[in-house]
Amino acid sequence: MRWRGRSGKEFDHVYRCRLGPKEFGIEIYVVFECKAGFIKAYDIDFFYQKLINEHEFKDWSAGGLKKNVIPIIVGGKSAEGGAFAKASKQGMRIILHTSIEDVMGRLTGEYVSIHEIMKEAAEEAI
């Protein structure tokens, strides 16, 4: 399900996780951006700009991204080397199609394609 922030930008998936009792005030945001095909360094820049323009994710004192935001780009089967380097510098993770299948296969013992997983998730959201 898409999430729309105050800036009007849409994010593919945003999960807010609260750790410990409410009084601790520890929250983590996991923000997913799904890209079809080859991931380029430009895609990393575009996602980062989208994140820091969002009121909920921007660190107003330092001007960057809040420390409790974990940005993840889910993409096709490959990405350019510059994209991995840029993502690493900006605290982002890149998960490729084959990586997701491997993880799901290890967790469940079944090797299911990402397309089937996303289709099931979309059907559950309706």
N, C-alpha and C. Protein backbone atom coordinates (compact mmCIF):
# COMPACT_ATOMS: atom_id res chain seq x y z
N MET A 1 0.83 -1.17 0.00
CA MET A 1 0.00 0.00 0.00
C MET A 1 0.89 1.24 0.00
N ARG A 2 0.59 2.18 -0.85
CA ARG A 2 1.36 3.41 -0.93
C ARG A 2 1.05 4.31 0.26
N TRP A 3 2.07 5.04 0.70
CA TRP A 3 1.95 5.96 1.81
C TRP A 3 2.23 7.36 1.30
N ARG A 4 1.34 8.30 1.56
CA ARG A 4 1.52 9.68 1.11
C ARG A 4 1.85 10.54 2.32
N GLY A 5 2.94 11.27 2.22
CA GLY A 5 3.36 12.14 3.31
C GLY A 5 2.81 13.54 3.18
N ARG A 6 3.22 14.40 4.10
CA ARG A 6 2.77 15.80 4.10
C ARG A 6 3.24 16.54 2.86
N SER A 7 4.38 16.14 2.31
CA SER A 7 4.93 16.82 1.14
C SER A 7 4.16 16.48 -0.13
N GLY A 8 3.27 15.49 -0.04
CA GLY A 8 2.52 15.05 -1.22
C GLY A 8 3.21 13.94 -1.97
N LYS A 9 4.42 13.61 -1.60
CA LYS A 9 5.16 12.52 -2.25
C LYS A 9 4.64 11.18 -1.77
N GLU A 10 4.67 10.21 -2.66
CA GLU A 10 4.24 8.85 -2.30
C GLU A 10 5.44 7.95 -2.12
N PHE A 11 5.33 7.07 -1.14
CA PHE A 11 6.35 6.05 -0.88
C PHE A 11 5.67 4.70 -1.01
N ASP A 12 6.38 3.72 -1.55
CA ASP A 12 5.76 2.42 -1.81
C ASP A 12 5.29 1.74 -0.53
N HIS A 13 6.14 1.67 0.46
CA HIS A 13 5.78 1.06 1.74
C HIS A 13 6.52 1.79 2.85
N VAL A 14 5.82 2.09 3.92
CA VAL A 14 6.43 2.70 5.10
C VAL A 14 5.94 1.92 6.31
N TYR A 15 6.90 1.40 7.08
CA TYR A 15 6.55 0.68 8.31
C TYR A 15 7.12 1.44 9.48
N ARG A 16 6.27 1.75 10.46
CA ARG A 16 6.70 2.42 11.69
C ARG A 16 6.72 1.38 12.79
N CYS A 17 7.89 1.16 13.34
CA CYS A 17 8.06 0.14 14.37
C CYS A 17 8.39 0.83 15.69
N ARG A 18 7.62 0.53 16.72
CA ARG A 18 7.88 1.07 18.05
C ARG A 18 8.60 -0.01 18.85
N LEU A 19 9.72 0.37 19.46
CA LEU A 19 10.51 -0.57 20.25
C LEU A 19 10.34 -0.26 21.73
N GLY A 20 10.01 -1.27 22.48
CA GLY A 20 9.86 -1.09 23.92
C GLY A 20 8.56 -0.40 24.27
N PRO A 21 8.41 -0.03 25.54
CA PRO A 21 7.20 0.65 25.98
C PRO A 21 7.06 2.03 25.32
N LYS A 22 5.84 2.51 25.24
CA LYS A 22 5.56 3.80 24.62
C LYS A 22 6.37 4.92 25.27
N GLU A 23 6.61 4.81 26.57
CA GLU A 23 7.34 5.84 27.31
C GLU A 23 8.79 6.01 26.82
N PHE A 24 9.36 4.96 26.24
CA PHE A 24 10.73 5.06 25.73
C PHE A 24 10.80 6.00 24.53
N GLY A 25 9.74 6.03 23.75
CA GLY A 25 9.71 6.88 22.56
C GLY A 25 10.68 6.47 21.48
N ILE A 26 10.92 5.16 21.36
CA ILE A 26 11.86 4.67 20.34
C ILE A 26 11.05 4.16 19.15
N GLU A 27 11.18 4.86 18.03
CA GLU A 27 10.49 4.47 16.81
C GLU A 27 11.48 4.39 15.66
N ILE A 28 11.25 3.42 14.80
CA ILE A 28 12.05 3.25 13.60
C ILE A 28 11.11 3.24 12.41
N TYR A 29 11.48 3.97 11.36
CA TYR A 29 10.72 3.96 10.12
C TYR A 29 11.52 3.18 9.08
N VAL A 30 10.91 2.19 8.48
CA VAL A 30 11.52 1.44 7.39
C VAL A 30 10.75 1.84 6.13
N VAL A 31 11.45 2.48 5.20
CA VAL A 31 10.81 3.04 4.01
C VAL A 31 11.32 2.29 2.78
N PHE A 32 10.38 1.70 2.04
CA PHE A 32 10.71 0.94 0.84
C PHE A 32 10.36 1.72 -0.41
N GLU A 33 11.25 1.66 -1.37
CA GLU A 33 11.02 2.21 -2.71
C GLU A 33 11.28 1.06 -3.68
N CYS A 34 10.31 0.73 -4.49
CA CYS A 34 10.44 -0.37 -5.45
C CYS A 34 10.75 0.19 -6.83
N LYS A 35 11.79 -0.34 -7.45
CA LYS A 35 12.19 0.08 -8.79
C LYS A 35 12.19 -1.13 -9.71
N ALA A 36 11.70 -0.93 -10.89
CA ALA A 36 11.74 -2.00 -11.89
C ALA A 36 13.05 -1.88 -12.67
N GLY A 37 13.71 -2.98 -12.85
CA GLY A 37 14.92 -2.97 -13.66
C GLY A 37 16.18 -2.56 -12.93
N PHE A 38 17.11 -2.03 -13.71
CA PHE A 38 18.46 -1.67 -13.29
C PHE A 38 18.44 -0.43 -12.40
N ILE A 39 19.09 -0.49 -11.24
CA ILE A 39 19.15 0.65 -10.32
C ILE A 39 20.41 1.46 -10.62
N LYS A 40 20.22 2.76 -10.80
CA LYS A 40 21.34 3.67 -11.10
C LYS A 40 21.57 4.60 -9.92
N ALA A 41 22.72 5.26 -9.93
CA ALA A 41 23.05 6.22 -8.87
C ALA A 41 22.00 7.33 -8.82
N TYR A 42 21.44 7.69 -9.96
CA TYR A 42 20.39 8.71 -10.02
C TYR A 42 19.18 8.30 -9.18
N ASP A 43 18.84 7.01 -9.20
CA ASP A 43 17.70 6.51 -8.42
C ASP A 43 17.95 6.70 -6.92
N ILE A 44 19.19 6.53 -6.50
CA ILE A 44 19.56 6.72 -5.10
C ILE A 44 19.37 8.19 -4.72
N ASP A 45 19.88 9.10 -5.58
CA ASP A 45 19.73 10.53 -5.33
C ASP A 45 18.26 10.94 -5.27
N PHE A 46 17.48 10.45 -6.20
CA PHE A 46 16.06 10.79 -6.28
C PHE A 46 15.32 10.34 -5.02
N PHE A 47 15.58 9.11 -4.57
CA PHE A 47 14.94 8.58 -3.36
C PHE A 47 15.37 9.37 -2.13
N TYR A 48 16.66 9.70 -2.04
CA TYR A 48 17.16 10.47 -0.90
C TYR A 48 16.50 11.85 -0.84
N GLN A 49 16.40 12.53 -1.98
CA GLN A 49 15.76 13.84 -2.03
C GLN A 49 14.29 13.75 -1.62
N LYS A 50 13.64 12.70 -2.08
CA LYS A 50 12.24 12.49 -1.72
C LYS A 50 12.09 12.30 -0.20
N LEU A 51 13.03 11.58 0.39
CA LEU A 51 13.00 11.34 1.83
C LEU A 51 13.23 12.62 2.63
N ILE A 52 14.26 13.38 2.27
CA ILE A 52 14.57 14.56 3.08
C ILE A 52 13.59 15.70 2.83
N ASN A 53 12.80 15.62 1.79
CA ASN A 53 11.75 16.63 1.58
C ASN A 53 10.48 16.29 2.35
N GLU A 54 10.46 15.12 2.96
CA GLU A 54 9.30 14.69 3.75
C GLU A 54 9.49 15.12 5.20
N HIS A 55 8.54 15.84 5.73
CA HIS A 55 8.60 16.38 7.09
C HIS A 55 8.89 15.30 8.14
N GLU A 56 8.28 14.15 7.98
CA GLU A 56 8.40 13.06 8.96
C GLU A 56 9.81 12.47 9.03
N PHE A 57 10.58 12.54 7.94
CA PHE A 57 11.88 11.89 7.85
C PHE A 57 13.08 12.84 7.91
N LYS A 58 12.85 14.12 7.76
CA LYS A 58 13.94 15.08 7.69
C LYS A 58 14.49 15.42 9.07
N ASP A 59 15.82 15.44 9.17
CA ASP A 59 16.49 15.90 10.39
C ASP A 59 16.67 17.40 10.26
N TRP A 60 15.83 18.16 10.92
CA TRP A 60 15.80 19.60 10.75
C TRP A 60 17.06 20.27 11.29
N SER A 61 17.71 19.70 12.28
CA SER A 61 18.91 20.33 12.84
C SER A 61 20.14 20.12 11.96
N ALA A 62 20.26 18.94 11.35
CA ALA A 62 21.44 18.64 10.53
C ALA A 62 21.18 18.80 9.03
N GLY A 63 19.90 18.81 8.65
CA GLY A 63 19.57 19.00 7.25
C GLY A 63 19.55 17.74 6.40
N GLY A 64 19.74 16.59 7.00
CA GLY A 64 19.72 15.34 6.26
C GLY A 64 18.55 14.47 6.67
N LEU A 65 18.81 13.20 6.74
CA LEU A 65 17.81 12.20 7.09
C LEU A 65 17.91 11.87 8.58
N LYS A 66 16.77 11.69 9.22
CA LYS A 66 16.78 11.30 10.63
C LYS A 66 17.48 9.95 10.81
N LYS A 67 18.05 9.75 11.97
CA LYS A 67 18.79 8.51 12.26
C LYS A 67 17.87 7.30 12.39
N ASN A 68 16.58 7.52 12.67
CA ASN A 68 15.67 6.40 12.87
C ASN A 68 14.93 5.99 11.59
N VAL A 69 15.42 6.45 10.44
CA VAL A 69 14.83 6.10 9.15
C VAL A 69 15.76 5.15 8.42
N ILE A 70 15.23 4.00 8.02
CA ILE A 70 16.01 3.01 7.27
C ILE A 70 15.42 2.94 5.86
N PRO A 71 16.08 3.57 4.89
CA PRO A 71 15.58 3.54 3.52
C PRO A 71 16.09 2.30 2.77
N ILE A 72 15.19 1.64 2.06
CA ILE A 72 15.53 0.43 1.32
C ILE A 72 14.97 0.54 -0.09
N ILE A 73 15.84 0.30 -1.07
CA ILE A 73 15.39 0.26 -2.46
C ILE A 73 15.37 -1.20 -2.89
N VAL A 74 14.22 -1.65 -3.36
CA VAL A 74 14.06 -3.01 -3.86
C VAL A 74 14.05 -2.90 -5.38
N GLY A 75 14.94 -3.64 -6.02
CA GLY A 75 15.06 -3.50 -7.46
C GLY A 75 15.14 -4.80 -8.20
N GLY A 76 15.49 -4.68 -9.46
CA GLY A 76 15.61 -5.83 -10.36
C GLY A 76 16.77 -6.73 -9.98
N LYS A 77 17.41 -7.27 -10.98
CA LYS A 77 18.47 -8.24 -10.72
C LYS A 77 19.85 -7.62 -10.60
N SER A 78 19.98 -6.31 -10.91
CA SER A 78 21.31 -5.71 -10.82
C SER A 78 21.22 -4.20 -10.60
N ALA A 79 22.38 -3.65 -10.23
CA ALA A 79 22.52 -2.20 -10.03
C ALA A 79 23.94 -1.83 -10.39
N GLU A 80 24.13 -0.58 -10.79
CA GLU A 80 25.48 -0.15 -11.12
C GLU A 80 26.30 0.01 -9.84
N GLY A 81 27.62 -0.16 -9.97
CA GLY A 81 28.50 -0.08 -8.82
C GLY A 81 28.39 1.24 -8.08
N GLY A 82 28.24 2.33 -8.82
CA GLY A 82 28.10 3.65 -8.20
C GLY A 82 26.87 3.76 -7.33
N ALA A 83 25.83 3.02 -7.69
CA ALA A 83 24.59 3.04 -6.89
C ALA A 83 24.84 2.40 -5.53
N PHE A 84 25.57 1.29 -5.50
CA PHE A 84 25.87 0.63 -4.22
C PHE A 84 26.72 1.54 -3.33
N ALA A 85 27.73 2.20 -3.92
CA ALA A 85 28.60 3.08 -3.16
C ALA A 85 27.82 4.27 -2.61
N LYS A 86 26.98 4.87 -3.43
CA LYS A 86 26.20 6.03 -3.01
C LYS A 86 25.19 5.64 -1.93
N ALA A 87 24.55 4.49 -2.11
CA ALA A 87 23.58 4.02 -1.12
C ALA A 87 24.26 3.78 0.23
N SER A 88 25.43 3.21 0.20
CA SER A 88 26.18 2.95 1.42
C SER A 88 26.52 4.25 2.15
N LYS A 89 26.95 5.28 1.42
CA LYS A 89 27.29 6.57 2.02
C LYS A 89 26.07 7.23 2.67
N GLN A 90 24.90 7.03 2.07
CA GLN A 90 23.69 7.69 2.56
C GLN A 90 22.88 6.81 3.51
N GLY A 91 23.41 5.66 3.89
CA GLY A 91 22.74 4.80 4.85
C GLY A 91 21.57 4.01 4.28
N MET A 92 21.54 3.85 2.97
CA MET A 92 20.47 3.09 2.32
C MET A 92 20.91 1.66 2.08
N ARG A 93 19.92 0.81 1.91
CA ARG A 93 20.18 -0.57 1.54
C ARG A 93 19.56 -0.82 0.18
N ILE A 94 20.24 -1.61 -0.64
CA ILE A 94 19.69 -2.05 -1.92
C ILE A 94 19.46 -3.54 -1.83
N ILE A 95 18.23 -3.95 -2.08
CA ILE A 95 17.90 -5.37 -2.09
C ILE A 95 17.48 -5.72 -3.51
N LEU A 96 18.19 -6.65 -4.11
CA LEU A 96 17.90 -7.04 -5.48
C LEU A 96 16.93 -8.21 -5.51
N HIS A 97 16.28 -8.35 -6.61
CA HIS A 97 15.28 -9.40 -6.83
C HIS A 97 15.81 -10.77 -6.41
N THR A 98 17.01 -11.10 -6.84
CA THR A 98 17.57 -12.40 -6.50
C THR A 98 17.84 -12.53 -5.01
N SER A 99 18.21 -11.44 -4.36
CA SER A 99 18.46 -11.48 -2.91
C SER A 99 17.19 -11.79 -2.15
N ILE A 100 16.08 -11.19 -2.57
CA ILE A 100 14.80 -11.43 -1.90
C ILE A 100 14.41 -12.89 -2.02
N GLU A 101 14.56 -13.44 -3.22
CA GLU A 101 14.21 -14.84 -3.41
C GLU A 101 15.08 -15.75 -2.55
N ASP A 102 16.37 -15.42 -2.44
CA ASP A 102 17.26 -16.23 -1.61
C ASP A 102 16.84 -16.18 -0.14
N VAL A 103 16.56 -14.98 0.35
CA VAL A 103 16.16 -14.83 1.75
C VAL A 103 14.85 -15.58 2.01
N MET A 104 13.86 -15.37 1.16
CA MET A 104 12.58 -16.06 1.33
C MET A 104 12.76 -17.57 1.26
N GLY A 105 13.60 -18.01 0.38
CA GLY A 105 13.85 -19.44 0.26
C GLY A 105 14.48 -20.02 1.51
N ARG A 106 15.42 -19.30 2.09
CA ARG A 106 16.06 -19.77 3.32
C ARG A 106 15.09 -19.76 4.49
N LEU A 107 14.22 -18.74 4.55
CA LEU A 107 13.28 -18.64 5.66
C LEU A 107 12.14 -19.65 5.58
N THR A 108 11.64 -19.86 4.38
CA THR A 108 10.45 -20.70 4.23
C THR A 108 10.74 -22.08 3.67
N GLY A 109 11.88 -22.26 3.05
CA GLY A 109 12.17 -23.54 2.40
C GLY A 109 11.54 -23.63 1.01
N GLU A 110 10.81 -22.58 0.61
CA GLU A 110 10.18 -22.54 -0.71
C GLU A 110 10.77 -21.37 -1.49
N TYR A 111 11.07 -21.60 -2.74
CA TYR A 111 11.59 -20.52 -3.57
C TYR A 111 10.45 -19.96 -4.41
N VAL A 112 9.97 -18.78 -3.99
CA VAL A 112 8.84 -18.10 -4.63
C VAL A 112 9.36 -16.82 -5.25
N SER A 113 8.88 -16.46 -6.43
CA SER A 113 9.35 -15.24 -7.07
C SER A 113 8.79 -14.01 -6.35
N ILE A 114 9.51 -12.90 -6.48
CA ILE A 114 9.08 -11.65 -5.84
C ILE A 114 7.76 -11.19 -6.42
N HIS A 115 7.50 -11.50 -7.67
CA HIS A 115 6.25 -11.09 -8.30
C HIS A 115 5.05 -11.77 -7.63
N GLU A 116 5.20 -13.02 -7.26
CA GLU A 116 4.13 -13.73 -6.56
C GLU A 116 3.92 -13.16 -5.17
N ILE A 117 4.99 -12.81 -4.49
CA ILE A 117 4.90 -12.24 -3.14
C ILE A 117 4.19 -10.89 -3.20
N MET A 118 4.58 -10.02 -4.14
CA MET A 118 3.97 -8.71 -4.26
C MET A 118 2.51 -8.82 -4.68
N LYS A 119 2.18 -9.80 -5.52
CA LYS A 119 0.79 -9.99 -5.95
C LYS A 119 -0.07 -10.39 -4.75
N GLU A 120 0.43 -11.29 -3.92
CA GLU A 120 -0.31 -11.72 -2.73
C GLU A 120 -0.49 -10.55 -1.75
N ALA A 121 0.56 -9.73 -1.59
CA ALA A 121 0.48 -8.58 -0.69
C ALA A 121 -0.57 -7.57 -1.19
N ALA A 122 -0.59 -7.36 -2.49
CA ALA A 122 -1.57 -6.43 -3.08
C ALA A 122 -2.99 -6.95 -2.90
N GLU A 123 -3.19 -8.25 -3.05
CA GLU A 123 -4.52 -8.84 -2.88
C GLU A 123 -4.98 -8.73 -1.43
N GLU A 124 -4.05 -8.90 -0.48
CA GLU A 124 -4.39 -8.79 0.94
C GLU A 124 -4.76 -7.35 1.31
N ALA A 125 -4.15 -6.38 0.64
CA ALA A 125 -4.39 -4.98 0.94
C ALA A 125 -5.79 -4.53 0.48
N ILE A 126 -6.33 -5.23 -0.49
CA ILE A 126 -7.64 -4.83 -1.03
C ILE A 126 -8.76 -5.26 -0.14
